[in-house]
Structure formats: C-alpha cells, structure tokens
Amino acid sequence: MVETEGQYDLFSGDPDANPKWRCAITGLEYAKRRMAELAATKPGPYFIYSITLGRVMISLDSGGRSKVESA
C-alpha cells in the first residue's frame, strides 16, 4: 500500500550525490505537481522522498531524458 497523504520532501539532483532540498509537501499528488512545475522551469533530475516510508517514491529527469520512475 502506497501512502498518498503523508509528508514528502522534494529534492533536485541525484539522491546519491548531494541532492538539494526544495520543499516539504503534504500529499503525493501535490508533490508530483510541484516537481513537474520545478522541472518545467529548471530542467534536471528531481525526486520525491517519503519521510514516513524512508525511501524515494518518484524520480524525474527533465534534463534531456524525460522519464518518470515510481518506486
């Protein structure tokens, strides 16, 4: 079961190489929308991290390879 209304952190960059924290968001759908907005204005890798589950939920690389991955 995927928690959708929990607390999420949104980061830019690679999860394993000094990612930059962008914001905390409640709700996975809101986090996905915010990630898409950021990726549209500044292309590059982004990911959403679940504070509750302790793992990356979704990643997006808008810097040439437009690919969304869900964990």
N, C-alpha and C. Protein backbone atom coordinates (compact mmCIF):
# COMPACT_ATOMS: atom_id res chain seq x y z
N MET A 1 0.84 -1.20 0.00
CA MET A 1 0.00 0.00 0.00
C MET A 1 0.88 1.25 0.00
N VAL A 2 0.64 2.15 -0.92
CA VAL A 2 1.40 3.38 -1.02
C VAL A 2 0.66 4.47 -0.27
N GLU A 3 1.36 5.10 0.64
CA GLU A 3 0.78 6.21 1.40
C GLU A 3 0.75 7.43 0.50
N THR A 4 -0.42 8.05 0.34
CA THR A 4 -0.52 9.19 -0.56
C THR A 4 -0.68 10.52 0.17
N GLU A 5 -1.15 10.52 1.39
CA GLU A 5 -1.39 11.78 2.10
C GLU A 5 -0.33 12.08 3.14
N GLY A 6 0.77 11.35 3.12
CA GLY A 6 1.84 11.58 4.08
C GLY A 6 2.65 12.82 3.76
N GLN A 7 3.74 12.97 4.47
CA GLN A 7 4.64 14.10 4.30
C GLN A 7 5.79 13.68 3.38
N TYR A 8 6.09 14.54 2.41
CA TYR A 8 7.12 14.25 1.41
C TYR A 8 8.09 15.42 1.31
N ASP A 9 9.34 15.10 1.02
CA ASP A 9 10.35 16.11 0.73
C ASP A 9 10.65 16.05 -0.75
N LEU A 10 10.78 17.21 -1.36
CA LEU A 10 11.10 17.32 -2.78
C LEU A 10 12.53 17.81 -2.91
N PHE A 11 13.32 17.10 -3.71
CA PHE A 11 14.73 17.41 -3.91
C PHE A 11 15.04 17.57 -5.39
N SER A 12 16.08 18.33 -5.70
CA SER A 12 16.65 18.34 -7.04
C SER A 12 18.01 17.66 -6.93
N GLY A 13 18.45 17.10 -8.06
CA GLY A 13 19.74 16.42 -8.08
C GLY A 13 19.59 14.92 -7.91
N ASP A 14 20.73 14.27 -7.83
CA ASP A 14 20.80 12.82 -7.68
C ASP A 14 20.67 12.44 -6.21
N PRO A 15 19.84 11.44 -5.88
CA PRO A 15 19.67 11.05 -4.47
C PRO A 15 20.98 10.63 -3.80
N ASP A 16 21.94 10.15 -4.58
CA ASP A 16 23.20 9.65 -4.02
C ASP A 16 24.35 10.64 -4.12
N ALA A 17 24.11 11.85 -4.61
CA ALA A 17 25.20 12.81 -4.82
C ALA A 17 24.81 14.22 -4.41
N ASN A 18 24.69 14.47 -3.13
CA ASN A 18 24.39 15.79 -2.58
C ASN A 18 23.15 16.44 -3.18
N PRO A 19 21.98 15.84 -3.03
CA PRO A 19 20.77 16.46 -3.55
C PRO A 19 20.46 17.75 -2.80
N LYS A 20 19.73 18.63 -3.46
CA LYS A 20 19.34 19.91 -2.85
C LYS A 20 17.87 19.85 -2.46
N TRP A 21 17.60 20.06 -1.18
CA TRP A 21 16.22 20.06 -0.68
C TRP A 21 15.50 21.28 -1.23
N ARG A 22 14.28 21.08 -1.72
CA ARG A 22 13.47 22.17 -2.27
C ARG A 22 12.32 22.57 -1.37
N CYS A 23 11.54 21.59 -0.89
CA CYS A 23 10.41 21.91 -0.03
C CYS A 23 9.81 20.64 0.56
N ALA A 24 8.98 20.81 1.57
CA ALA A 24 8.21 19.72 2.16
C ALA A 24 6.76 19.91 1.74
N ILE A 25 6.11 18.81 1.39
CA ILE A 25 4.74 18.88 0.88
C ILE A 25 3.92 17.75 1.48
N THR A 26 2.68 18.04 1.83
CA THR A 26 1.75 17.02 2.29
C THR A 26 0.93 16.54 1.10
N GLY A 27 0.97 15.24 0.85
CA GLY A 27 0.20 14.65 -0.24
C GLY A 27 1.06 14.36 -1.46
N LEU A 28 1.04 13.12 -1.91
CA LEU A 28 1.86 12.70 -3.04
C LEU A 28 1.45 13.40 -4.33
N GLU A 29 0.16 13.59 -4.56
CA GLU A 29 -0.28 14.25 -5.79
C GLU A 29 0.21 15.70 -5.84
N TYR A 30 0.17 16.41 -4.72
CA TYR A 30 0.68 17.78 -4.66
C TYR A 30 2.19 17.79 -4.92
N ALA A 31 2.89 16.82 -4.34
CA ALA A 31 4.33 16.73 -4.53
C ALA A 31 4.68 16.49 -5.99
N LYS A 32 3.93 15.61 -6.66
CA LYS A 32 4.18 15.34 -8.08
C LYS A 32 3.95 16.58 -8.93
N ARG A 33 2.89 17.32 -8.62
CA ARG A 33 2.62 18.55 -9.37
C ARG A 33 3.72 19.59 -9.18
N ARG A 34 4.15 19.74 -7.95
CA ARG A 34 5.21 20.72 -7.66
C ARG A 34 6.52 20.31 -8.34
N MET A 35 6.83 19.02 -8.34
CA MET A 35 8.03 18.54 -9.01
C MET A 35 7.97 18.86 -10.50
N ALA A 36 6.82 18.65 -11.12
CA ALA A 36 6.65 18.94 -12.55
C ALA A 36 6.81 20.44 -12.82
N GLU A 37 6.29 21.28 -11.94
CA GLU A 37 6.44 22.72 -12.10
C GLU A 37 7.91 23.13 -12.05
N LEU A 38 8.64 22.61 -11.07
CA LEU A 38 10.05 22.93 -10.95
C LEU A 38 10.84 22.43 -12.15
N ALA A 39 10.54 21.21 -12.58
CA ALA A 39 11.25 20.62 -13.73
C ALA A 39 10.98 21.40 -15.01
N ALA A 40 9.81 22.00 -15.12
CA ALA A 40 9.48 22.78 -16.32
C ALA A 40 10.26 24.09 -16.36
N THR A 41 10.55 24.67 -15.20
CA THR A 41 11.26 25.94 -15.17
C THR A 41 12.77 25.77 -15.12
N LYS A 42 13.24 24.67 -14.53
CA LYS A 42 14.68 24.40 -14.46
C LYS A 42 14.90 22.91 -14.68
N PRO A 43 15.14 22.51 -15.92
CA PRO A 43 15.31 21.08 -16.24
C PRO A 43 16.44 20.43 -15.44
N GLY A 44 16.24 19.16 -15.17
CA GLY A 44 17.24 18.39 -14.43
C GLY A 44 16.57 17.27 -13.66
N PRO A 45 17.34 16.57 -12.84
CA PRO A 45 16.77 15.48 -12.05
C PRO A 45 16.10 16.00 -10.77
N TYR A 46 14.98 15.38 -10.44
CA TYR A 46 14.22 15.67 -9.22
C TYR A 46 13.72 14.37 -8.64
N PHE A 47 13.46 14.36 -7.34
CA PHE A 47 12.84 13.19 -6.74
C PHE A 47 12.03 13.57 -5.51
N ILE A 48 11.06 12.71 -5.21
CA ILE A 48 10.19 12.88 -4.05
C ILE A 48 10.53 11.78 -3.06
N TYR A 49 10.80 12.18 -1.83
CA TYR A 49 11.20 11.26 -0.77
C TYR A 49 10.09 11.20 0.29
N SER A 50 9.67 9.98 0.63
CA SER A 50 8.66 9.80 1.67
C SER A 50 9.33 9.81 3.04
N ILE A 51 8.96 10.77 3.85
CA ILE A 51 9.51 10.86 5.20
C ILE A 51 9.04 9.65 6.02
N THR A 52 7.79 9.27 5.86
CA THR A 52 7.21 8.17 6.62
C THR A 52 7.83 6.83 6.24
N LEU A 53 7.96 6.57 4.95
CA LEU A 53 8.46 5.28 4.47
C LEU A 53 9.98 5.23 4.38
N GLY A 54 10.62 6.39 4.35
CA GLY A 54 12.08 6.44 4.29
C GLY A 54 12.66 5.99 2.97
N ARG A 55 11.99 6.36 1.87
CA ARG A 55 12.50 5.96 0.55
C ARG A 55 12.03 6.93 -0.53
N VAL A 56 12.75 6.89 -1.65
CA VAL A 56 12.37 7.69 -2.81
C VAL A 56 11.12 7.08 -3.42
N MET A 57 10.12 7.91 -3.64
CA MET A 57 8.85 7.44 -4.19
C MET A 57 8.80 7.59 -5.71
N ILE A 58 9.23 8.74 -6.21
CA ILE A 58 9.16 9.05 -7.63
C ILE A 58 10.38 9.88 -8.00
N SER A 59 10.94 9.62 -9.17
CA SER A 59 12.03 10.45 -9.67
C SER A 59 11.72 10.87 -11.10
N LEU A 60 12.28 12.01 -11.49
CA LEU A 60 12.04 12.59 -12.80
C LEU A 60 13.33 13.25 -13.26
N ASP A 61 13.72 13.01 -14.50
CA ASP A 61 14.87 13.72 -15.07
C ASP A 61 14.38 14.47 -16.30
N SER A 62 14.22 15.77 -16.15
CA SER A 62 13.72 16.59 -17.27
C SER A 62 14.86 17.23 -18.04
N GLY A 63 16.07 16.84 -17.76
CA GLY A 63 17.24 17.41 -18.43
C GLY A 63 17.67 16.59 -19.62
N GLY A 64 16.78 16.36 -20.56
CA GLY A 64 17.12 15.64 -21.78
C GLY A 64 16.47 14.27 -21.85
N ARG A 65 16.34 13.60 -20.71
CA ARG A 65 15.70 12.30 -20.67
C ARG A 65 14.42 12.43 -19.85
N SER A 66 13.33 12.69 -20.49
CA SER A 66 12.06 12.88 -19.80
C SER A 66 11.50 11.52 -19.39
N LYS A 67 11.77 11.14 -18.16
CA LYS A 67 11.38 9.82 -17.68
C LYS A 67 10.92 9.93 -16.24
N VAL A 68 9.78 9.35 -15.93
CA VAL A 68 9.28 9.33 -14.57
C VAL A 68 9.35 7.90 -14.08
N GLU A 69 9.93 7.73 -12.91
CA GLU A 69 10.02 6.40 -12.31
C GLU A 69 9.33 6.43 -10.97
N SER A 70 8.52 5.43 -10.69
CA SER A 70 7.90 5.28 -9.39
C SER A 70 8.54 4.12 -8.67
N ALA A 71 8.79 4.32 -7.39
CA ALA A 71 9.39 3.24 -6.60
C ALA A 71 8.33 2.44 -5.89
